């Protein structure tokens, strides 16, 4: 089952709440996360889940891990009831 980043949704919500444009440079500067890592999370190209990165995103967006990541069940991989 793939784990999917909900970072684009969190960015959109924060932009609406703060009535401001939030870009990769802003997130990187305020979290200490590299721009490359932010880009990778936005594009879904996450190779590993680093606890420090997850914590930094959660602090920045004031969210829980479940707001940042979701597990998507692959088609055909359902278990019988």
Protein backbone atom coordinates (compact mmCIF):
# COMPACT_ATOMS: atom_id res chain seq x y z
CA UNK A 1 0.00 0.00 0.00
CA UNK A 2 1.49 3.32 -1.02
CA UNK A 3 1.85 6.20 1.43
CA UNK A 4 0.81 9.50 -0.14
CA UNK A 5 1.78 13.02 0.91
CA UNK A 6 -1.06 15.48 1.48
CA UNK A 7 1.38 18.40 1.48
CA UNK A 8 -0.30 20.20 -1.48
CA UNK A 9 -3.60 20.20 0.42
CA UNK A 10 -1.95 21.54 3.58
CA UNK A 11 -0.27 24.31 1.60
CA UNK A 12 -3.59 25.29 0.03
CA UNK A 13 -5.34 25.41 3.41
CA UNK A 14 -2.54 27.47 4.98
CA UNK A 15 -2.61 29.92 2.06
CA UNK A 16 -6.33 30.43 2.53
CA UNK A 17 -6.06 30.75 6.33
CA UNK A 18 -3.20 33.24 6.15
CA UNK A 19 -4.29 34.94 2.91
CA UNK A 20 -0.72 34.60 1.66
CA UNK A 21 1.20 32.82 -1.05
CA UNK A 22 3.30 30.00 0.38
CA UNK A 23 5.99 28.64 -1.88
CA UNK A 24 8.73 26.06 -1.60
CA UNK A 25 11.30 28.67 -0.56
CA UNK A 26 9.03 29.89 2.25
CA UNK A 27 8.46 26.37 3.58
CA UNK A 28 12.15 25.50 3.32
CA UNK A 29 13.22 28.69 5.05
CA UNK A 30 10.75 28.41 7.91
CA UNK A 31 11.17 24.67 8.54
CA UNK A 32 14.84 24.03 7.80
CA UNK A 33 13.81 21.35 5.30
CA UNK A 34 15.76 21.54 2.05
CA UNK A 35 14.00 22.84 -1.06
CA UNK A 36 14.72 19.53 -2.79
CA UNK A 37 12.96 17.61 -0.04
CA UNK A 38 9.94 19.95 -0.15
CA UNK A 39 9.77 19.53 -3.95
CA UNK A 40 9.98 15.75 -3.57
CA UNK A 41 7.14 15.74 -1.05
CA UNK A 42 5.04 17.94 -3.34
CA UNK A 43 5.63 15.70 -6.37
CA UNK A 44 5.07 12.48 -4.42
CA UNK A 45 8.65 11.37 -5.00
CA UNK A 46 9.36 10.42 -1.38
CA UNK A 47 12.06 7.78 -1.04
CA UNK A 48 11.99 7.53 2.75
CA UNK A 49 10.09 9.06 5.63
CA UNK A 50 12.45 10.95 7.91
CA UNK A 51 11.03 11.62 11.39
CA UNK A 52 12.65 15.07 11.60
CA UNK A 53 11.11 16.09 8.27
CA UNK A 54 7.68 14.86 9.30
CA UNK A 55 7.95 16.68 12.64
CA UNK A 56 9.03 19.91 10.91
CA UNK A 57 6.11 19.78 8.47
CA UNK A 58 3.68 19.03 11.29
CA UNK A 59 4.98 21.96 13.36
CA UNK A 60 4.83 24.34 10.39
CA UNK A 61 1.31 23.33 9.37
CA UNK A 62 0.14 22.73 12.97
CA UNK A 63 -1.15 19.30 12.03
CA UNK A 64 -0.88 15.64 12.95
CA UNK A 65 0.93 12.99 10.93
CA UNK A 66 -2.42 11.74 9.61
CA UNK A 67 -3.07 15.18 8.14
CA UNK A 68 0.26 15.04 6.31
CA UNK A 69 0.30 11.41 5.11
CA UNK A 70 -2.28 8.87 4.08
CA UNK A 71 -2.09 5.19 3.16
CA UNK A 72 -3.89 4.33 -0.07
CA UNK A 73 -5.02 0.79 -0.59
CA UNK A 74 -3.96 -0.48 -4.01
CA UNK A 75 -6.74 -1.83 -6.23
CA UNK A 76 -7.08 -5.57 -5.96
CA UNK A 77 -5.34 -5.74 -2.58
CA UNK A 78 -8.47 -5.81 -0.47
CA UNK A 79 -8.82 -8.41 2.21
CA UNK A 80 -12.07 -10.38 2.30
CA UNK A 81 -14.59 -9.48 5.01
